[in-house]
């Protein structure tokens, strides 16, 4: 299962890369921020979550119940405008093409590194609770698709 999820995330990284030339595009009817912000934020989340996943002690993993995860993960849906991104994953200042490509390269390396991790590697999300490796990869997929949908809506004429 993990390899399939990693492949999905790699495809989403390809979609992010495809949208880098559109980084300055915006549409205030869709989002207060531009395409570059959406891409940068997605990459910061992937890289930040993977960094934490690589550092966790899988033997300390403790499964928990989470209402929001139970409701939203099966649908693969995050409602727009309902949550605020933590400061650490919010882009600040100018977003350069070089920085986006650098983050993409790091994200691809992270995915290679997390693939062999134990199933009980985990990440604690501020809304979805303690996520196992499989759930973490699902979260990254849902989150990245959420922001790519916004990008696609911004780019629609």
C-alpha atoms as a PDB file:
ATOM      1  CA  UNK A   1       0.000   0.000   0.000  1.00  0.00           C
ATOM      2  CA  UNK A   2       2.776   2.381   0.925  1.00  0.00           C
ATOM      3  CA  UNK A   3       4.419   2.149  -2.506  1.00  0.00           C
ATOM      4  CA  UNK A   4       1.110   3.014  -4.196  1.00  0.00           C
ATOM      5  CA  UNK A   5       0.706   6.046  -1.932  1.00  0.00           C
ATOM      6  CA  UNK A   6       4.293   7.136  -2.613  1.00  0.00           C
ATOM      7  CA  UNK A   7       3.620   6.847  -6.376  1.00  0.00           C
ATOM      8  CA  UNK A   8       0.472   8.999  -5.993  1.00  0.00           C
ATOM      9  CA  UNK A   9       2.458  11.638  -4.096  1.00  0.00           C
ATOM     10  CA  UNK A  10       5.212  11.602  -6.730  1.00  0.00           C
ATOM     11  CA  UNK A  11       2.555  12.232  -9.398  1.00  0.00           C
ATOM     12  CA  UNK A  12       1.221  15.143  -7.338  1.00  0.00           C
ATOM     13  CA  UNK A  13       4.763  16.549  -7.118  1.00  0.00           C
ATOM     14  CA  UNK A  14       4.909  16.354 -10.919  1.00  0.00           C
ATOM     15  CA  UNK A  15       1.665  18.333 -11.062  1.00  0.00           C
ATOM     16  CA  UNK A  16       3.121  20.947  -8.693  1.00  0.00           C
ATOM     17  CA  UNK A  17       6.204  21.184 -10.907  1.00  0.00           C
ATOM     18  CA  UNK A  18       4.013  21.596 -13.987  1.00  0.00           C
ATOM     19  CA  UNK A  19       2.331  24.601 -12.316  1.00  0.00           C
ATOM     20  CA  UNK A  20       5.515  26.425 -11.258  1.00  0.00           C
ATOM     21  CA  UNK A  21       5.463  28.656 -14.398  1.00  0.00           C
ATOM     22  CA  UNK A  22       2.008  29.872 -13.279  1.00  0.00           C
ATOM     23  CA  UNK A  23       3.214  30.943  -9.830  1.00  0.00           C
ATOM     24  CA  UNK A  24       2.267  34.606 -10.275  1.00  0.00           C
ATOM     25  CA  UNK A  25      -1.288  33.889 -11.412  1.00  0.00           C
ATOM     26  CA  UNK A  26      -4.101  34.852  -9.057  1.00  0.00           C
ATOM     27  CA  UNK A  27      -7.870  35.094  -8.898  1.00  0.00           C
ATOM     28  CA  UNK A  28      -9.311  36.887  -5.871  1.00  0.00           C
ATOM     29  CA  UNK A  29     -12.694  35.201  -6.424  1.00  0.00           C
ATOM     30  CA  UNK A  30     -11.057  31.845  -5.724  1.00  0.00           C
ATOM     31  CA  UNK A  31      -8.286  32.613  -3.207  1.00  0.00           C
ATOM     32  CA  UNK A  32      -6.672  35.548  -1.441  1.00  0.00           C
ATOM     33  CA  UNK A  33      -3.251  34.125  -2.383  1.00  0.00           C
ATOM     34  CA  UNK A  34      -1.664  33.268  -5.718  1.00  0.00           C
ATOM     35  CA  UNK A  35      -0.640  29.962  -7.311  1.00  0.00           C
ATOM     36  CA  UNK A  36       2.918  30.297  -6.009  1.00  0.00           C
ATOM     37  CA  UNK A  37       1.649  30.483  -2.420  1.00  0.00           C
ATOM     38  CA  UNK A  38      -0.461  27.348  -2.924  1.00  0.00           C
ATOM     39  CA  UNK A  39       2.498  25.420  -4.388  1.00  0.00           C
ATOM     40  CA  UNK A  40       4.982  26.654  -1.786  1.00  0.00           C
ATOM     41  CA  UNK A  41       2.609  25.826   1.072  1.00  0.00           C
ATOM     42  CA  UNK A  42       1.988  22.319  -0.277  1.00  0.00           C
ATOM     43  CA  UNK A  43       5.710  21.664  -0.538  1.00  0.00           C
ATOM     44  CA  UNK A  44       6.385  23.056   2.946  1.00  0.00           C
ATOM     45  CA  UNK A  45       3.739  20.705   4.358  1.00  0.00           C
ATOM     46  CA  UNK A  46       5.114  17.657   2.527  1.00  0.00           C
ATOM     47  CA  UNK A  47       8.696  18.405   3.574  1.00  0.00           C
ATOM     48  CA  UNK A  48       7.778  19.316   7.148  1.00  0.00           C
ATOM     49  CA  UNK A  49       5.592  16.265   7.705  1.00  0.00           C
ATOM     50  CA  UNK A  50       8.167  13.923   6.136  1.00  0.00           C
ATOM     51  CA  UNK A  51      10.907  15.379   8.351  1.00  0.00           C
ATOM     52  CA  UNK A  52       8.797  14.650  11.436  1.00  0.00           C
ATOM     53  CA  UNK A  53       7.848  11.178  10.169  1.00  0.00           C
ATOM     54  CA  UNK A  54      11.545  10.350   9.727  1.00  0.00           C
ATOM     55  CA  UNK A  55      12.301  11.395  13.333  1.00  0.00           C
ATOM     56  CA  UNK A  56       9.481   9.632  15.185  1.00  0.00           C
ATOM     57  CA  UNK A  57      10.141   6.606  17.351  1.00  0.00           C
ATOM     58  CA  UNK A  58       7.693   4.075  15.889  1.00  0.00           C
ATOM     59  CA  UNK A  59       7.636   2.095  19.132  1.00  0.00           C
ATOM     60  CA  UNK A  60       5.923   5.086  20.797  1.00  0.00           C
ATOM     61  CA  UNK A  61       3.061   5.124  18.279  1.00  0.00           C
ATOM     62  CA  UNK A  62      -0.336   5.036  19.927  1.00  0.00           C
ATOM     63  CA  UNK A  63      -3.450   4.737  17.805  1.00  0.00           C
ATOM     64  CA  UNK A  64      -6.204   7.237  18.587  1.00  0.00           C
ATOM     65  CA  UNK A  65      -9.766   7.962  17.529  1.00  0.00           C
ATOM     66  CA  UNK A  66     -10.378  11.199  15.658  1.00  0.00           C
ATOM     67  CA  UNK A  67     -13.820  12.299  14.482  1.00  0.00           C
ATOM     68  CA  UNK A  68     -12.606  14.627  11.707  1.00  0.00           C
ATOM     69  CA  UNK A  69     -10.207  12.042  10.316  1.00  0.00           C
ATOM     70  CA  UNK A  70     -12.989   9.441  10.348  1.00  0.00           C
ATOM     71  CA  UNK A  71     -15.306  11.752   8.395  1.00  0.00           C
ATOM     72  CA  UNK A  72     -12.933  13.469   5.937  1.00  0.00           C
ATOM     73  CA  UNK A  73     -10.268  10.883   5.036  1.00  0.00           C
ATOM     74  CA  UNK A  74     -12.615   8.407   3.278  1.00  0.00           C
ATOM     75  CA  UNK A  75     -13.935  11.231   1.095  1.00  0.00           C
ATOM     76  CA  UNK A  76     -10.452  12.654   0.470  1.00  0.00           C
ATOM     77  CA  UNK A  77     -11.802  16.101   1.141  1.00  0.00           C
ATOM     78  CA  UNK A  78     -10.738  19.171   3.084  1.00  0.00           C
ATOM     79  CA  UNK A  79     -13.291  22.019   3.116  1.00  0.00           C
ATOM     80  CA  UNK A  80     -11.987  25.350   1.829  1.00  0.00           C
ATOM     81  CA  UNK A  81     -11.418  28.236   4.186  1.00  0.00           C
ATOM     82  CA  UNK A  82     -12.191  26.310   7.385  1.00  0.00           C
ATOM     83  CA  UNK A  83      -8.671  25.962   8.807  1.00  0.00           C
ATOM     84  CA  UNK A  84      -5.668  28.266   8.995  1.00  0.00           C
ATOM     85  CA  UNK A  85      -2.251  26.904   8.100  1.00  0.00           C
ATOM     86  CA  UNK A  86       0.281  26.958  10.956  1.00  0.00           C
ATOM     87  CA  UNK A  87       2.915  29.720  10.573  1.00  0.00           C
ATOM     88  CA  UNK A  88       5.700  27.209   9.946  1.00  0.00           C
ATOM     89  CA  UNK A  89       4.106  26.090   6.656  1.00  0.00           C
ATOM     90  CA  UNK A  90       2.975  29.517   5.470  1.00  0.00           C
ATOM     91  CA  UNK A  91       5.106  31.055   2.734  1.00  0.00           C
ATOM     92  CA  UNK A  92       6.639  34.361   3.761  1.00  0.00           C
ATOM     93  CA  UNK A  93       7.802  36.921   1.264  1.00  0.00           C
ATOM     94  CA  UNK A  94       8.750  36.359  -2.360  1.00  0.00           C
ATOM     95  CA  UNK A  95       8.442  32.830  -3.745  1.00  0.00           C
ATOM     96  CA  UNK A  96      11.069  32.149  -6.391  1.00  0.00           C
ATOM     97  CA  UNK A  97      11.047  29.507  -9.106  1.00  0.00           C
ATOM     98  CA  UNK A  98      14.417  28.304  -7.784  1.00  0.00           C
ATOM     99  CA  UNK A  99      13.032  27.852  -4.268  1.00  0.00           C
ATOM    100  CA  UNK A 100      10.046  25.883  -5.568  1.00  0.00           C
ATOM    101  CA  UNK A 101      12.335  23.589  -7.580  1.00  0.00           C
ATOM    102  CA  UNK A 102      14.613  23.146  -4.570  1.00  0.00           C
ATOM    103  CA  UNK A 103      11.645  22.196  -2.378  1.00  0.00           C
ATOM    104  CA  UNK A 104      10.432  19.775  -5.065  1.00  0.00           C
ATOM    105  CA  UNK A 105      13.821  18.058  -5.105  1.00  0.00           C
ATOM    106  CA  UNK A 106      13.803  17.768  -1.303  1.00  0.00           C
ATOM    107  CA  UNK A 107      10.222  16.426  -1.340  1.00  0.00           C
ATOM    108  CA  UNK A 108      11.153  13.696  -3.837  1.00  0.00           C
ATOM    109  CA  UNK A 109      14.107  12.675  -1.653  1.00  0.00           C
ATOM    110  CA  UNK A 110      11.865  12.648   1.412  1.00  0.00           C
ATOM    111  CA  UNK A 111       9.400  10.298  -0.288  1.00  0.00           C
ATOM    112  CA  UNK A 112      12.258   7.912  -1.095  1.00  0.00           C
ATOM    113  CA  UNK A 113      13.387   8.017   2.551  1.00  0.00           C
ATOM    114  CA  UNK A 114       9.965   7.456   4.117  1.00  0.00           C
ATOM    115  CA  UNK A 115       9.014   4.550   1.856  1.00  0.00           C
ATOM    116  CA  UNK A 116      10.917   1.930   3.918  1.00  0.00           C
ATOM    117  CA  UNK A 117       9.849   3.324   7.322  1.00  0.00           C
ATOM    118  CA  UNK A 118       7.896   1.046   9.683  1.00  0.00           C
ATOM    119  CA  UNK A 119       4.064   1.188   9.524  1.00  0.00           C
ATOM    120  CA  UNK A 120       3.962   2.639  13.026  1.00  0.00           C
ATOM    121  CA  UNK A 121       6.025   5.692  12.131  1.00  0.00           C
ATOM    122  CA  UNK A 122       3.713   8.584  12.877  1.00  0.00           C
ATOM    123  CA  UNK A 123       2.892  12.274  12.660  1.00  0.00           C
ATOM    124  CA  UNK A 124       0.667  14.248  15.036  1.00  0.00           C
ATOM    125  CA  UNK A 125      -1.630  16.646  13.192  1.00  0.00           C
ATOM    126  CA  UNK A 126      -3.289  19.549  15.032  1.00  0.00           C
ATOM    127  CA  UNK A 127      -6.747  18.592  13.718  1.00  0.00           C
ATOM    128  CA  UNK A 128      -6.522  14.922  12.645  1.00  0.00           C
ATOM    129  CA  UNK A 129      -4.594  13.636  15.666  1.00  0.00           C
ATOM    130  CA  UNK A 130      -1.971  10.898  15.580  1.00  0.00           C
ATOM    131  CA  UNK A 131      -1.541   9.578  12.056  1.00  0.00           C
ATOM    132  CA  UNK A 132       0.223   6.299  11.262  1.00  0.00           C
ATOM    133  CA  UNK A 133       2.554   6.226   8.269  1.00  0.00           C
ATOM    134  CA  UNK A 134      -0.322   5.093   5.997  1.00  0.00           C
ATOM    135  CA  UNK A 135      -2.637   7.788   7.371  1.00  0.00           C
ATOM    136  CA  UNK A 136       0.118  10.404   7.077  1.00  0.00           C
ATOM    137  CA  UNK A 137       0.612   9.559   3.401  1.00  0.00           C
ATOM    138  CA  UNK A 138      -3.164   9.761   2.916  1.00  0.00           C
ATOM    139  CA  UNK A 139      -3.213  13.164   4.627  1.00  0.00           C
ATOM    140  CA  UNK A 140      -0.411  14.417   2.348  1.00  0.00           C
ATOM    141  CA  UNK A 141      -2.348  13.189  -0.684  1.00  0.00           C
ATOM    142  CA  UNK A 142      -5.610  14.841   0.425  1.00  0.00           C
ATOM    143  CA  UNK A 143      -3.884  18.080   1.417  1.00  0.00           C
ATOM    144  CA  UNK A 144      -1.872  18.353  -1.797  1.00  0.00           C
ATOM    145  CA  UNK A 145      -4.917  17.588  -3.976  1.00  0.00           C
ATOM    146  CA  UNK A 146      -6.860  20.240  -2.024  1.00  0.00           C
ATOM    147  CA  UNK A 147      -4.308  22.926  -2.921  1.00  0.00           C
ATOM    148  CA  UNK A 148      -3.916  21.731  -6.514  1.00  0.00           C
ATOM    149  CA  UNK A 149      -7.707  22.035  -6.940  1.00  0.00           C
ATOM    150  CA  UNK A 150      -7.416  25.631  -5.768  1.00  0.00           C
ATOM    151  CA  UNK A 151      -4.578  26.160  -8.267  1.00  0.00           C
ATOM    152  CA  UNK A 152      -6.725  24.708 -11.059  1.00  0.00           C
ATOM    153  CA  UNK A 153      -9.635  26.953 -10.069  1.00  0.00           C
ATOM    154  CA  UNK A 154      -7.356  30.014 -10.055  1.00  0.00           C
ATOM    155  CA  UNK A 155      -6.137  29.149 -13.544  1.00  0.00           C
ATOM    156  CA  UNK A 156      -9.623  28.660 -15.015  1.00  0.00           C
ATOM    157  CA  UNK A 157     -10.638  31.607 -17.138  1.00  0.00           C
END
